[in-house]
Amino acid sequence: MAVAVENRNDKGQFVNLGGKSTVLCVQCGQEFSLYPSDIRRGRRFCSDKCAGQWSSESRHGEKHHLYKADTVAICPTCGSQFSRKPGLMARPPIAYCSHACATKAQDYSSRTGENNSNWKGGISVLWQNFYLDEKWAEVRQAVYARDNWQCQNCGEKSRKLHAHHIIALVDNGAMYDLENIITLCDVCHYGYHHSGLILNIRGGLRCPLEALIPSKVV
């Protein structure tokens, strides 16, 4: 709290300062005037500059009331010593000195190739070549033209269009058969594959109902 100075003249008489009292700034020690209410609220500095200086000197690092010393640990990958905030040490990636050491420590062999949950027989190269094939580009344009450049589920024309295989390639669906391909907008296409959207094909189905089976791959 600010230190009040008695407001008396050289004869010892009390001097009225208009309700204010003279106090000493905690930071710079200079005198300044405050109302009694300001003193009760705990004002201790003559300016924001002094308040900022005091805060940086008195509440920084170990002087801060929430300060917690860093935890020193040994990296299990490279053996080097490193330090982290105690709260961060509880997170597995921070148990290593660097991201490189954390990555090196992970056993990715159990999640690659045939061991991966998304493994589909190693035919990603086949699909890449298929979607870059000129024949597929011609078939896709033919499907769009046949469907009047319109989503066959919601009827939207303004969105980006996709050519959707009703029986997916991963389920041995026909690659270029127009009867196995319909036009969907990007919203309906994403909804079908990722949100369980049930397609309501406009103008009737282009294939038997049982062909509309859930699939993971277009």
Protein backbone atom coordinates (compact mmCIF):
# COMPACT_ATOMS: atom_id res chain seq x y z
CA MET A 1 0.00 0.00 0.00
CA ALA A 2 1.13 3.54 -0.68
CA VAL A 3 2.81 5.35 2.20
CA ALA A 4 0.92 8.50 3.21
CA VAL A 5 2.85 11.68 3.98
CA GLU A 6 1.49 14.06 6.61
CA ASN A 7 0.38 17.23 4.88
CA ARG A 8 1.79 19.90 7.28
CA ASN A 9 3.70 23.08 6.63
CA ASP A 10 6.96 24.16 8.25
CA LYS A 11 5.01 25.45 11.28
CA GLY A 12 3.41 22.03 11.80
CA GLN A 13 0.02 23.20 10.67
CA PHE A 14 -2.19 20.82 8.62
CA VAL A 15 -2.41 21.81 4.94
CA ASN A 16 -5.65 21.07 3.06
CA LEU A 17 -4.96 19.68 -0.41
CA GLY A 18 -8.57 19.59 -1.54
CA GLY A 19 -9.32 16.16 -0.15
CA LYS A 20 -6.15 14.51 -1.49
CA SER A 21 -3.27 13.04 0.47
CA THR A 22 0.36 13.00 -0.53
CA VAL A 23 1.81 9.49 -0.93
CA LEU A 24 5.07 7.96 -2.08
CA CYS A 25 5.26 5.89 -5.29
CA VAL A 26 6.29 2.35 -4.46
CA GLN A 27 8.49 2.15 -7.58
CA CYS A 28 10.24 5.51 -7.97
CA GLY A 29 9.73 6.95 -4.48
CA GLN A 30 8.39 10.27 -5.74
CA GLU A 31 5.54 12.05 -3.97
CA PHE A 32 2.16 12.32 -5.67
CA SER A 33 -1.39 13.05 -4.56
CA LEU A 34 -4.24 10.56 -4.23
CA TYR A 35 -7.80 10.69 -3.00
CA PRO A 36 -8.50 8.55 0.11
CA SER A 37 -10.67 6.26 -2.03
CA ASP A 38 -7.71 5.56 -4.36
CA ILE A 39 -5.54 4.71 -1.39
CA ARG A 40 -8.19 2.32 -0.07
CA ARG A 41 -8.34 0.62 -3.47
CA GLY A 42 -4.63 -0.04 -3.24
CA ARG A 43 -3.20 2.38 -5.80
CA ARG A 44 0.53 2.54 -5.22
CA PHE A 45 2.12 4.03 -8.33
CA CYS A 46 2.36 7.54 -9.69
CA SER A 47 2.05 6.39 -13.33
CA ASP A 48 1.40 3.40 -15.55
CA LYS A 49 5.10 3.36 -16.39
CA CYS A 50 6.03 2.80 -12.74
CA ALA A 51 3.31 0.18 -12.38
CA GLY A 52 4.65 -1.68 -15.43
CA GLN A 53 8.24 -1.53 -14.23
CA TRP A 54 7.28 -2.83 -10.80
CA SER A 55 5.23 -5.67 -12.30
CA SER A 56 8.06 -6.78 -14.63
CA GLU A 57 10.54 -6.75 -11.77
CA SER A 58 8.35 -8.28 -9.07
CA ARG A 59 6.19 -10.78 -11.01
CA HIS A 60 8.62 -12.22 -13.50
CA GLY A 61 10.07 -15.72 -13.45
CA GLU A 62 10.52 -17.19 -10.01
CA LYS A 63 8.91 -14.14 -8.38
CA HIS A 64 5.56 -14.88 -10.04
CA HIS A 65 3.03 -16.55 -7.74
CA LEU A 66 2.22 -19.19 -10.40
CA TYR A 67 5.83 -19.96 -11.25
CA LYS A 68 6.78 -23.62 -11.52
CA ALA A 69 10.31 -24.73 -12.19
CA ASP A 70 11.00 -26.65 -15.41
CA THR A 71 11.21 -30.40 -15.19
CA VAL A 72 14.53 -31.86 -16.32
CA ALA A 73 14.31 -35.17 -18.19
CA ILE A 74 16.40 -37.49 -20.34
CA CYS A 75 15.30 -38.08 -23.94
CA PRO A 76 14.66 -41.83 -24.33
CA THR A 77 15.77 -41.72 -27.98
CA CYS A 78 19.07 -39.80 -28.02
CA GLY A 79 19.84 -39.72 -24.29
CA SER A 80 20.31 -35.94 -24.15
CA GLN A 81 19.06 -33.88 -21.22
CA PHE A 82 16.29 -31.35 -21.81
CA SER A 83 13.78 -29.34 -19.79
CA ARG A 84 10.06 -28.67 -20.20
CA LYS A 85 7.26 -27.09 -18.21
CA PRO A 86 5.71 -29.64 -15.81
CA GLY A 87 2.32 -29.43 -17.55
CA LEU A 88 3.84 -30.29 -20.92
CA MET A 89 5.71 -33.33 -19.69
CA ALA A 90 2.40 -35.17 -19.29
CA ARG A 91 1.94 -35.16 -23.07
CA PRO A 92 3.64 -38.11 -24.80
CA PRO A 93 5.24 -36.14 -27.69
CA ILE A 94 6.88 -33.78 -25.17
CA ALA A 95 8.59 -36.70 -23.45
CA TYR A 96 11.25 -36.39 -26.16
CA CYS A 97 13.73 -33.57 -26.70
CA SER A 98 12.54 -32.96 -30.26
CA HIS A 99 9.92 -33.95 -32.80
CA ALA A 100 12.58 -35.88 -34.72
CA CYS A 101 13.33 -38.05 -31.68
CA ALA A 102 9.60 -38.59 -31.04
CA THR A 103 9.07 -39.69 -34.65
CA LYS A 104 12.10 -41.96 -34.57
CA ALA A 105 10.82 -43.67 -31.44
CA GLN A 106 7.44 -44.54 -32.98
CA ASP A 107 7.08 -47.97 -34.53
CA TYR A 108 5.38 -47.19 -37.82
CA SER A 109 5.95 -50.67 -39.26
CA SER A 110 2.75 -51.84 -37.58
CA ARG A 111 0.76 -49.13 -39.35
CA THR A 112 2.12 -49.27 -42.89
CA GLY A 113 1.24 -51.38 -45.90
CA GLU A 114 -1.06 -54.31 -45.22
CA ASN A 115 -1.06 -53.52 -41.49
CA ASN A 116 -2.76 -50.17 -42.02
CA SER A 117 -6.51 -50.01 -41.35
CA ASN A 118 -6.98 -48.18 -44.66
CA TRP A 119 -5.18 -50.82 -46.72
CA LYS A 120 -7.10 -51.67 -49.89
CA GLY A 121 -4.87 -54.15 -51.59
CA GLY A 122 -2.10 -51.86 -52.78
CA ILE A 123 -4.02 -50.53 -55.77
CA SER A 124 -3.59 -46.81 -55.11
CA VAL A 125 -1.28 -46.53 -58.16
CA LEU A 126 -3.97 -48.18 -60.28
CA TRP A 127 -6.54 -45.64 -59.11
CA GLN A 128 -4.14 -42.76 -59.72
CA ASN A 129 -3.53 -43.88 -63.26
CA PHE A 130 -7.27 -44.42 -63.78
CA TYR A 131 -8.33 -40.94 -62.72
CA LEU A 132 -5.61 -39.41 -64.92
CA ASP A 133 -6.62 -41.53 -67.90
CA GLU A 134 -7.97 -39.69 -70.95
CA LYS A 135 -10.67 -42.32 -71.39
CA TRP A 136 -11.99 -41.60 -67.88
CA ALA A 137 -12.06 -37.88 -68.67
CA GLU A 138 -14.22 -38.60 -71.74
CA VAL A 139 -16.54 -40.90 -69.78
CA ARG A 140 -16.92 -38.33 -67.02
CA GLN A 141 -17.90 -35.62 -69.50
CA ALA A 142 -20.39 -38.02 -71.12
CA VAL A 143 -21.96 -38.72 -67.71
CA TYR A 144 -22.28 -35.00 -66.96
CA ALA A 145 -23.89 -34.35 -70.33
CA ARG A 146 -26.30 -37.25 -69.93
CA ASP A 147 -27.36 -36.00 -66.50
CA ASN A 148 -27.77 -32.44 -67.80
CA TRP A 149 -24.86 -31.21 -65.65
CA GLN A 150 -27.04 -31.65 -62.59
CA CYS A 151 -26.62 -33.50 -59.30
CA GLN A 152 -28.80 -36.60 -59.52
CA ASN A 153 -29.48 -36.52 -55.78
CA CYS A 154 -30.35 -32.91 -54.91
CA GLY A 155 -30.73 -31.40 -58.37
CA GLU A 156 -28.11 -28.70 -57.73
CA LYS A 157 -26.33 -27.28 -60.79
CA SER A 158 -24.22 -24.50 -59.28
CA ARG A 159 -21.92 -26.71 -57.18
CA LYS A 160 -18.84 -28.61 -58.30
CA LEU A 161 -19.83 -31.90 -59.92
CA HIS A 162 -18.33 -35.35 -59.34
CA ALA A 163 -18.73 -38.56 -61.30
CA HIS A 164 -19.71 -41.19 -58.72
CA HIS A 165 -19.33 -44.95 -59.21
CA ILE A 166 -22.49 -46.60 -57.87
CA ILE A 167 -20.65 -49.87 -57.40
CA ALA A 168 -17.23 -48.74 -56.17
CA LEU A 169 -14.00 -49.76 -57.83
CA VAL A 170 -12.89 -51.47 -54.63
CA ASP A 171 -16.02 -53.62 -54.92
CA ASN A 172 -15.10 -54.51 -58.51
CA GLY A 173 -17.48 -51.98 -60.02
CA ALA A 174 -17.26 -51.28 -63.75
CA MET A 175 -14.79 -48.47 -64.38
CA TYR A 176 -16.18 -47.04 -67.60
CA ASP A 177 -19.76 -48.32 -67.72
CA LEU A 178 -22.05 -45.29 -67.87
CA GLU A 179 -24.80 -47.26 -66.12
CA ASN A 180 -22.52 -47.55 -63.09
CA ILE A 181 -21.73 -43.83 -62.95
CA ILE A 182 -23.96 -40.91 -61.93
CA THR A 183 -23.43 -37.20 -61.42
CA LEU A 184 -23.33 -35.92 -57.83
CA CYS A 185 -22.46 -32.49 -56.48
CA ASP A 186 -19.49 -32.31 -54.14
CA VAL A 187 -21.74 -31.92 -51.08
CA CYS A 188 -23.83 -35.03 -51.77
CA HIS A 189 -20.76 -37.00 -52.82
CA TYR A 190 -18.97 -36.21 -49.56
CA GLY A 191 -22.14 -36.89 -47.57
CA TYR A 192 -22.54 -40.32 -49.14
CA HIS A 193 -19.00 -41.46 -48.42
CA HIS A 194 -18.43 -39.78 -45.05
CA SER A 195 -21.77 -38.96 -43.42
CA GLY A 196 -24.00 -41.89 -44.32
CA LEU A 197 -26.15 -39.90 -46.77
CA ILE A 198 -28.77 -42.09 -48.49
CA LEU A 199 -28.95 -41.20 -52.18
CA ASN A 200 -32.35 -40.40 -53.65
CA ILE A 201 -31.59 -40.60 -57.36
CA ARG A 202 -33.70 -38.25 -59.44
CA GLY A 203 -35.67 -39.83 -62.27
CA GLY A 204 -35.25 -43.36 -60.94
CA LEU A 205 -32.18 -45.46 -60.28
CA ARG A 206 -29.81 -46.20 -63.12
CA CYS A 207 -29.04 -49.59 -61.61
CA PRO A 208 -30.72 -52.08 -59.21
CA LEU A 209 -31.30 -50.80 -55.66
CA GLU A 210 -29.04 -53.47 -54.17
CA ALA A 211 -26.14 -51.96 -56.09
CA LEU A 212 -26.26 -48.84 -53.90
CA ILE A 213 -24.14 -50.40 -51.19
CA PRO A 214 -21.97 -48.43 -48.75
CA SER A 215 -18.38 -48.16 -49.91
CA LYS A 216 -15.17 -46.51 -48.81
CA VAL A 217 -13.77 -45.64 -52.19
CA VAL A 218 -15.25 -43.98 -55.25
